[in-house]
């Protein structure tokens, strides 16, 4: 992992299986915060590679530290696990609020389709 990537993660020494994820997460964060639009095919490839790594890794303190540092990757992590865990990394109040908003939207859509 490059010096800039390891300093971006902080002073945490990462296990080898997390170093590649941290490097990809750092790159995704740079793309997300940059002013230019990325090439769509390259962006999809990057997200796919991150998703593949996230699907193989069990939750552990070091993975949590990577997700805390890289919000775009944390959002991808939640999206991959939403079916089973909902917004598992969001604070409970935010999760409940989001769930209520979704219910309201669904109710309005059902009323509008009648």
Protein backbone atom coordinates (compact mmCIF):
# COMPACT_ATOMS: atom_id res chain seq x y z
CA UNK A 1 0.00 0.00 0.00
CA UNK A 2 1.32 3.45 -0.80
CA UNK A 3 2.41 5.85 1.91
CA UNK A 4 -0.49 8.18 1.13
CA UNK A 5 -2.98 5.33 1.41
CA UNK A 6 -1.60 4.04 4.69
CA UNK A 7 -1.57 7.54 6.18
CA UNK A 8 -5.14 8.04 4.93
CA UNK A 9 -6.25 5.03 6.95
CA UNK A 10 -4.50 6.40 10.01
CA UNK A 11 -2.06 4.80 12.38
CA UNK A 12 -3.83 1.44 12.27
CA UNK A 13 -1.64 -1.42 11.03
CA UNK A 14 -3.89 -3.34 8.68
CA UNK A 15 -3.96 -7.07 8.17
CA UNK A 16 -2.76 -8.04 4.68
CA UNK A 17 -6.26 -8.92 3.45
CA UNK A 18 -7.43 -5.38 4.34
CA UNK A 19 -4.56 -3.49 2.72
CA UNK A 20 -5.92 -3.97 -0.79
CA UNK A 21 -9.40 -2.96 0.33
CA UNK A 22 -8.02 0.18 1.99
CA UNK A 23 -6.18 1.15 -1.19
CA UNK A 24 -9.32 0.68 -3.30
CA UNK A 25 -11.44 2.52 -0.72
CA UNK A 26 -8.98 5.42 -0.77
CA UNK A 27 -9.24 5.56 -4.55
CA UNK A 28 -13.05 5.50 -4.44
CA UNK A 29 -13.04 8.31 -1.90
CA UNK A 30 -10.78 10.40 -4.14
CA UNK A 31 -13.09 9.83 -7.10
CA UNK A 32 -16.21 10.62 -5.05
CA UNK A 33 -14.74 13.85 -3.69
CA UNK A 34 -13.13 14.93 -6.96
CA UNK A 35 -14.63 17.53 -9.21
CA UNK A 36 -14.35 15.50 -12.41
CA UNK A 37 -16.65 12.73 -13.55
CA UNK A 38 -14.95 9.35 -13.63
CA UNK A 39 -15.15 7.04 -16.60
CA UNK A 40 -18.32 4.98 -15.94
CA UNK A 41 -16.72 1.64 -16.87
CA UNK A 42 -13.72 2.26 -14.63
CA UNK A 43 -15.96 3.41 -11.79
CA UNK A 44 -18.12 0.28 -12.04
CA UNK A 45 -14.98 -1.90 -12.09
CA UNK A 46 -13.63 -0.18 -8.97
CA UNK A 47 -16.93 -0.55 -7.11
CA UNK A 48 -17.22 -4.19 -8.21
CA UNK A 49 -13.73 -4.97 -6.89
CA UNK A 50 -14.46 -3.30 -3.58
CA UNK A 51 -17.77 -5.19 -3.32
CA UNK A 52 -16.03 -8.50 -4.03
CA UNK A 53 -13.57 -7.86 -1.21
CA UNK A 54 -16.28 -6.71 1.20
CA UNK A 55 -18.32 -9.84 0.54
CA UNK A 56 -15.38 -12.05 1.50
CA UNK A 57 -14.40 -10.24 4.70
CA UNK A 58 -16.03 -10.87 8.06
CA UNK A 59 -16.73 -7.82 10.20
CA UNK A 60 -13.79 -7.17 12.47
CA UNK A 61 -12.40 -4.09 14.25
CA UNK A 62 -9.90 -3.35 11.47
CA UNK A 63 -12.58 -3.56 8.78
CA UNK A 64 -14.73 -1.26 10.87
CA UNK A 65 -11.82 1.20 11.05
CA UNK A 66 -11.48 1.15 7.25
CA UNK A 67 -15.23 1.72 6.84
CA UNK A 68 -15.15 4.56 9.39
CA UNK A 69 -12.38 6.26 7.39
CA UNK A 70 -13.94 5.80 3.94
CA UNK A 71 -17.64 6.76 3.86
CA UNK A 72 -18.21 5.76 0.22
CA UNK A 73 -16.98 2.24 0.94
CA UNK A 74 -19.04 2.13 4.15
CA UNK A 75 -22.14 3.03 2.13
CA UNK A 76 -21.34 0.26 -0.34
CA UNK A 77 -20.90 -2.15 2.60
CA UNK A 78 -24.34 -1.25 3.92
CA UNK A 79 -25.92 -1.59 0.49
CA UNK A 80 -24.46 -5.07 0.13
CA UNK A 81 -25.87 -6.12 3.49
CA UNK A 82 -29.11 -4.12 3.53
CA UNK A 83 -31.22 -7.20 2.81
CA UNK A 84 -30.05 -8.82 6.07
CA UNK A 85 -28.98 -5.97 8.31
CA UNK A 86 -30.54 -2.73 7.06
CA UNK A 87 -28.47 0.34 7.72
CA UNK A 88 -26.16 -1.60 10.02
CA UNK A 89 -23.51 1.11 10.29
CA UNK A 90 -25.85 4.06 10.72
CA UNK A 91 -26.92 5.31 14.13
CA UNK A 92 -30.19 3.76 15.29
CA UNK A 93 -32.14 7.03 15.14
CA UNK A 94 -31.06 7.59 11.56
CA UNK A 95 -31.94 4.01 10.63
CA UNK A 96 -35.39 4.30 12.18
CA UNK A 97 -35.98 7.65 10.49
CA UNK A 98 -34.97 6.27 7.11
CA UNK A 99 -37.22 3.27 7.59
CA UNK A 100 -40.17 5.55 8.45
CA UNK A 101 -39.51 7.71 5.40
CA UNK A 102 -39.48 4.64 3.19
CA UNK A 103 -42.81 3.48 4.64
CA UNK A 104 -44.34 6.91 4.02
CA UNK A 105 -43.14 6.96 0.42
CA UNK A 106 -44.58 3.49 -0.16
CA UNK A 107 -47.91 4.48 1.40
CA UNK A 108 -48.15 7.61 -0.77
CA UNK A 109 -47.31 5.60 -3.87
CA UNK A 110 -50.00 3.04 -3.01
CA UNK A 111 -52.60 5.79 -2.51
CA UNK A 112 -51.60 7.49 -5.76
CA UNK A 113 -51.96 4.28 -7.77
CA UNK A 114 -55.58 3.76 -6.66
